[in-house]
Amino acid sequence: MVLTPGPNMIYLVSRSISQGRRAGLVSLSGVAVGFLVYLGATCLGLTAVFALVPAAYVVIKLAGAAYLLYLAWKTLRPGGVSVFQPRDLRPDSTGRLFTMGLVTNVLNPKAAVLYLSLLPQFIDPSAGHVMEQSFALGAVQILISMGVNTVIIVAAAGLAAFLATRPRWLRLQRYVMGTMLGAFALKLAVDRPPAVVHAS
């Protein structure tokens, strides 16, 4: 999930290529806070909403699947752009880099899909306190995301330069990512509701 391209990865890679690794890491700190916002909201009641209104879960799940299919189409269509193709961005201040990282993640449908429809599927009400499980799973996801994105930020410029001289590799990267997005979207669309929805 972390490796599939979305708004966060596109922003972090673009900022790292155009303004350097430090800018990418500052932006990533904003992304991390955005994940904490989603995790807090999920643990403090959004899963309870799903228990009371199962249709809300279905709507969010299908909306998330549609968004991922849209990303897959954008990636795979003729003339689609790879996440590692450089984009011209004006240099931003440290504060703005952090804020844009935060806003990009808070408004990121991929993050919403993860916390609102995917994370609850791994929660087992019979295994203990639901909120504690949610925080534990969310913390693991955040740590994985920060680790993977840090590697991507550090390697972004080198990868962009490598792929720029190898158009076949650039196309292959697009096809692999686009296929992964499409497969995940279909799986999300047909998955059963999470166990927490059925909990009394």
Protein backbone atom coordinates (compact mmCIF):
# COMPACT_ATOMS: atom_id res chain seq x y z
CA MET A 1 0.00 0.00 0.00
CA VAL A 2 2.80 2.41 0.90
CA LEU A 3 4.63 1.68 -2.36
CA THR A 4 1.65 2.49 -4.60
CA PRO A 5 1.84 6.04 -5.98
CA GLY A 6 -0.61 8.55 -4.58
CA PRO A 7 -0.72 12.25 -3.70
CA ASN A 8 1.76 11.84 -0.83
CA MET A 9 4.40 10.05 -2.88
CA ILE A 10 3.96 12.38 -5.85
CA TYR A 11 4.38 15.44 -3.61
CA LEU A 12 7.34 14.05 -1.65
CA VAL A 13 9.23 12.87 -4.73
CA SER A 14 8.55 16.08 -6.65
CA ARG A 15 9.64 18.24 -3.72
CA SER A 16 12.78 16.14 -3.12
CA ILE A 17 13.82 16.32 -6.78
CA SER A 18 13.15 20.05 -7.12
CA GLN A 19 14.31 21.32 -3.70
CA GLY A 20 16.49 18.61 -2.17
CA ARG A 21 16.31 15.86 0.40
CA ARG A 22 15.87 18.20 3.38
CA ALA A 23 12.73 19.66 1.80
CA GLY A 24 11.42 16.15 1.22
CA LEU A 25 12.05 15.14 4.83
CA VAL A 26 10.39 18.29 6.21
CA SER A 27 7.38 17.58 3.99
CA LEU A 28 7.37 13.99 5.27
CA SER A 29 7.10 15.24 8.86
CA GLY A 30 3.87 17.00 7.86
CA VAL A 31 2.65 13.77 6.23
CA ALA A 32 3.33 11.92 9.51
CA VAL A 33 1.16 14.38 11.47
CA GLY A 34 -1.56 13.89 8.86
CA PHE A 35 -1.49 10.15 9.53
CA LEU A 36 -1.83 10.86 13.26
CA VAL A 37 -4.92 12.98 12.53
CA TYR A 38 -6.53 10.08 10.64
CA LEU A 39 -5.51 7.56 13.28
CA GLY A 40 -6.92 9.68 16.10
CA ALA A 41 -10.21 10.25 14.26
CA THR A 42 -10.54 6.55 13.49
CA CYS A 43 -9.80 5.44 17.05
CA LEU A 44 -12.09 8.04 18.60
CA GLY A 45 -15.26 7.11 16.83
CA LEU A 46 -15.29 6.59 13.07
CA THR A 47 -15.33 2.82 13.48
CA ALA A 48 -18.31 3.25 15.81
CA VAL A 49 -20.09 5.13 13.02
CA PHE A 50 -19.56 2.12 10.78
CA ALA A 51 -21.09 -0.12 13.44
CA LEU A 52 -24.19 2.07 13.61
CA VAL A 53 -24.41 2.83 9.87
CA PRO A 54 -22.93 -0.07 7.85
CA ALA A 55 -23.86 1.71 4.61
CA ALA A 56 -21.31 4.43 5.48
CA TYR A 57 -18.54 1.85 5.34
CA VAL A 58 -19.73 0.60 1.95
CA VAL A 59 -19.87 4.13 0.55
CA ILE A 60 -16.36 5.00 1.74
CA LYS A 61 -15.00 1.66 0.54
CA LEU A 62 -16.45 2.07 -2.95
CA ALA A 63 -15.34 5.71 -3.14
CA GLY A 64 -11.82 4.66 -2.19
CA ALA A 65 -11.82 1.86 -4.76
CA ALA A 66 -13.00 4.30 -7.45
CA TYR A 67 -10.22 6.72 -6.56
CA LEU A 68 -7.57 4.00 -6.74
CA LEU A 69 -8.93 2.90 -10.13
CA TYR A 70 -8.67 6.52 -11.27
CA LEU A 71 -5.02 6.61 -10.18
CA ALA A 72 -4.42 3.32 -12.01
CA TRP A 73 -5.99 4.74 -15.19
CA LYS A 74 -3.91 7.93 -14.95
CA THR A 75 -0.77 5.84 -14.57
CA LEU A 76 -1.50 3.30 -17.33
CA ARG A 77 -3.11 5.49 -19.99
CA PRO A 78 -1.05 6.49 -23.05
CA GLY A 79 0.98 9.53 -22.10
CA GLY A 80 0.67 8.77 -18.38
CA VAL A 81 3.28 10.33 -16.14
CA SER A 82 5.55 8.40 -13.79
CA VAL A 83 5.85 9.55 -10.19
CA PHE A 84 9.62 9.86 -10.77
CA GLN A 85 9.36 12.30 -13.69
CA PRO A 86 10.64 15.72 -12.50
CA ARG A 87 8.16 18.56 -12.09
CA ASP A 88 8.96 22.27 -11.82
CA LEU A 89 8.12 23.47 -8.31
CA ARG A 90 8.89 26.84 -6.73
CA PRO A 91 11.08 26.56 -3.58
CA ASP A 92 9.02 26.76 -0.37
CA SER A 93 9.88 27.72 3.21
CA THR A 94 10.24 25.11 5.95
CA GLY A 95 6.86 26.04 7.42
CA ARG A 96 5.11 25.79 4.10
CA LEU A 97 6.79 22.46 3.32
CA PHE A 98 5.48 21.02 6.61
CA THR A 99 2.01 22.48 6.08
CA MET A 100 1.76 21.22 2.49
CA GLY A 101 2.84 17.74 3.62
CA LEU A 102 0.14 17.79 6.30
CA VAL A 103 -2.59 19.13 4.00
CA THR A 104 -1.65 16.76 1.18
CA ASN A 105 -2.06 13.79 3.52
CA VAL A 106 -5.19 14.97 5.31
CA LEU A 107 -6.86 15.48 1.91
CA ASN A 108 -5.41 12.23 0.55
CA PRO A 109 -8.18 9.73 -0.31
CA LYS A 110 -5.63 6.91 -0.19
CA ALA A 111 -4.98 7.67 3.49
CA ALA A 112 -8.73 7.85 4.12
CA VAL A 113 -9.18 4.44 2.49
CA LEU A 114 -6.44 2.97 4.69
CA TYR A 115 -7.76 4.21 8.00
CA LEU A 116 -11.50 4.21 7.39
CA SER A 117 -11.96 0.97 5.48
CA LEU A 118 -8.78 -1.12 5.54
CA LEU A 119 -7.46 -0.80 9.09
CA PRO A 120 -10.73 -1.91 10.79
CA GLN A 121 -10.57 -5.22 8.90
CA PHE A 122 -7.55 -6.24 11.00
CA ILE A 123 -9.24 -5.48 14.33
CA ASP A 124 -10.66 -8.41 16.30
CA PRO A 125 -13.06 -7.25 19.03
CA SER A 126 -12.61 -10.58 20.84
CA ALA A 127 -8.84 -10.01 21.11
CA GLY A 128 -9.02 -7.06 23.46
CA HIS A 129 -9.60 -3.32 23.56
CA VAL A 130 -10.51 -2.10 20.07
CA MET A 131 -8.94 1.34 20.52
CA GLU A 132 -5.64 -0.13 21.69
CA GLN A 133 -5.59 -2.46 18.67
CA SER A 134 -6.34 0.48 16.38
CA PHE A 135 -3.52 2.60 17.79
CA ALA A 136 -1.08 -0.33 17.61
CA LEU A 137 -1.94 -1.13 13.99
CA GLY A 138 -1.87 2.55 13.05
CA ALA A 139 1.51 3.04 14.70
CA VAL A 140 2.95 0.11 12.73
CA GLN A 141 1.55 1.55 9.49
CA ILE A 142 2.98 5.00 10.23
CA LEU A 143 6.42 3.59 11.00
CA ILE A 144 6.42 1.55 7.79
CA SER A 145 5.24 4.53 5.76
CA MET A 146 7.87 6.85 7.24
CA GLY A 147 10.62 4.30 6.62
CA VAL A 148 9.64 3.60 3.02
CA ASN A 149 9.08 7.25 2.18
CA THR A 150 12.41 8.25 3.74
CA VAL A 151 14.17 5.79 1.43
CA ILE A 152 12.19 7.13 -1.55
CA ILE A 153 13.09 10.74 -0.65
CA VAL A 154 16.79 9.95 -0.28
CA ALA A 155 16.83 8.01 -3.56
CA ALA A 156 14.40 10.21 -5.55
CA ALA A 157 16.92 12.33 -7.44
CA GLY A 158 19.07 9.34 -8.33
CA LEU A 159 16.05 7.30 -9.46
CA ALA A 160 14.72 10.18 -11.54
CA ALA A 161 18.09 10.57 -13.28
CA PHE A 162 18.37 6.80 -13.81
CA LEU A 163 14.87 6.46 -15.27
CA ALA A 164 15.18 9.60 -17.41
CA THR A 165 17.83 7.89 -19.55
CA ARG A 166 15.92 4.59 -19.66
CA PRO A 167 12.41 5.16 -21.07
CA ARG A 168 11.62 1.43 -21.04
CA TRP A 169 12.28 1.26 -17.29
CA LEU A 170 10.12 4.35 -16.81
CA ARG A 171 7.26 2.68 -18.67
CA LEU A 172 7.76 -0.55 -16.71
CA GLN A 173 7.58 1.38 -13.43
CA ARG A 174 4.30 2.96 -14.59
CA TYR A 175 2.81 -0.38 -15.63
CA VAL A 176 3.79 -2.14 -12.39
CA MET A 177 2.42 0.66 -10.21
CA GLY A 178 -0.73 1.06 -12.28
CA THR A 179 -1.43 -2.67 -12.14
CA MET A 180 -0.89 -2.73 -8.37
CA LEU A 181 -3.30 0.17 -7.92
CA GLY A 182 -5.95 -1.52 -10.07
CA ALA A 183 -5.61 -4.84 -8.26
CA PHE A 184 -5.84 -3.18 -4.85
CA ALA A 185 -8.91 -1.20 -5.95
CA LEU A 186 -10.71 -4.36 -7.09
CA LYS A 187 -9.81 -6.19 -3.88
CA LEU A 188 -11.04 -3.28 -1.80
CA ALA A 189 -14.32 -3.14 -3.75
CA VAL A 190 -15.17 -6.81 -3.20
CA ASP A 191 -13.83 -7.27 0.34
CA ARG A 192 -16.32 -8.10 3.06
CA PRO A 193 -17.05 -5.48 5.73
CA PRO A 194 -14.57 -5.40 8.62
CA ALA A 195 -15.22 -7.45 11.74
CA VAL A 196 -15.57 -4.32 13.84
CA VAL A 197 -18.69 -3.35 11.86
CA HIS A 198 -20.40 -6.49 13.09
CA ALA A 199 -19.35 -6.01 16.68
CA SER A 200 -22.09 -5.22 19.13
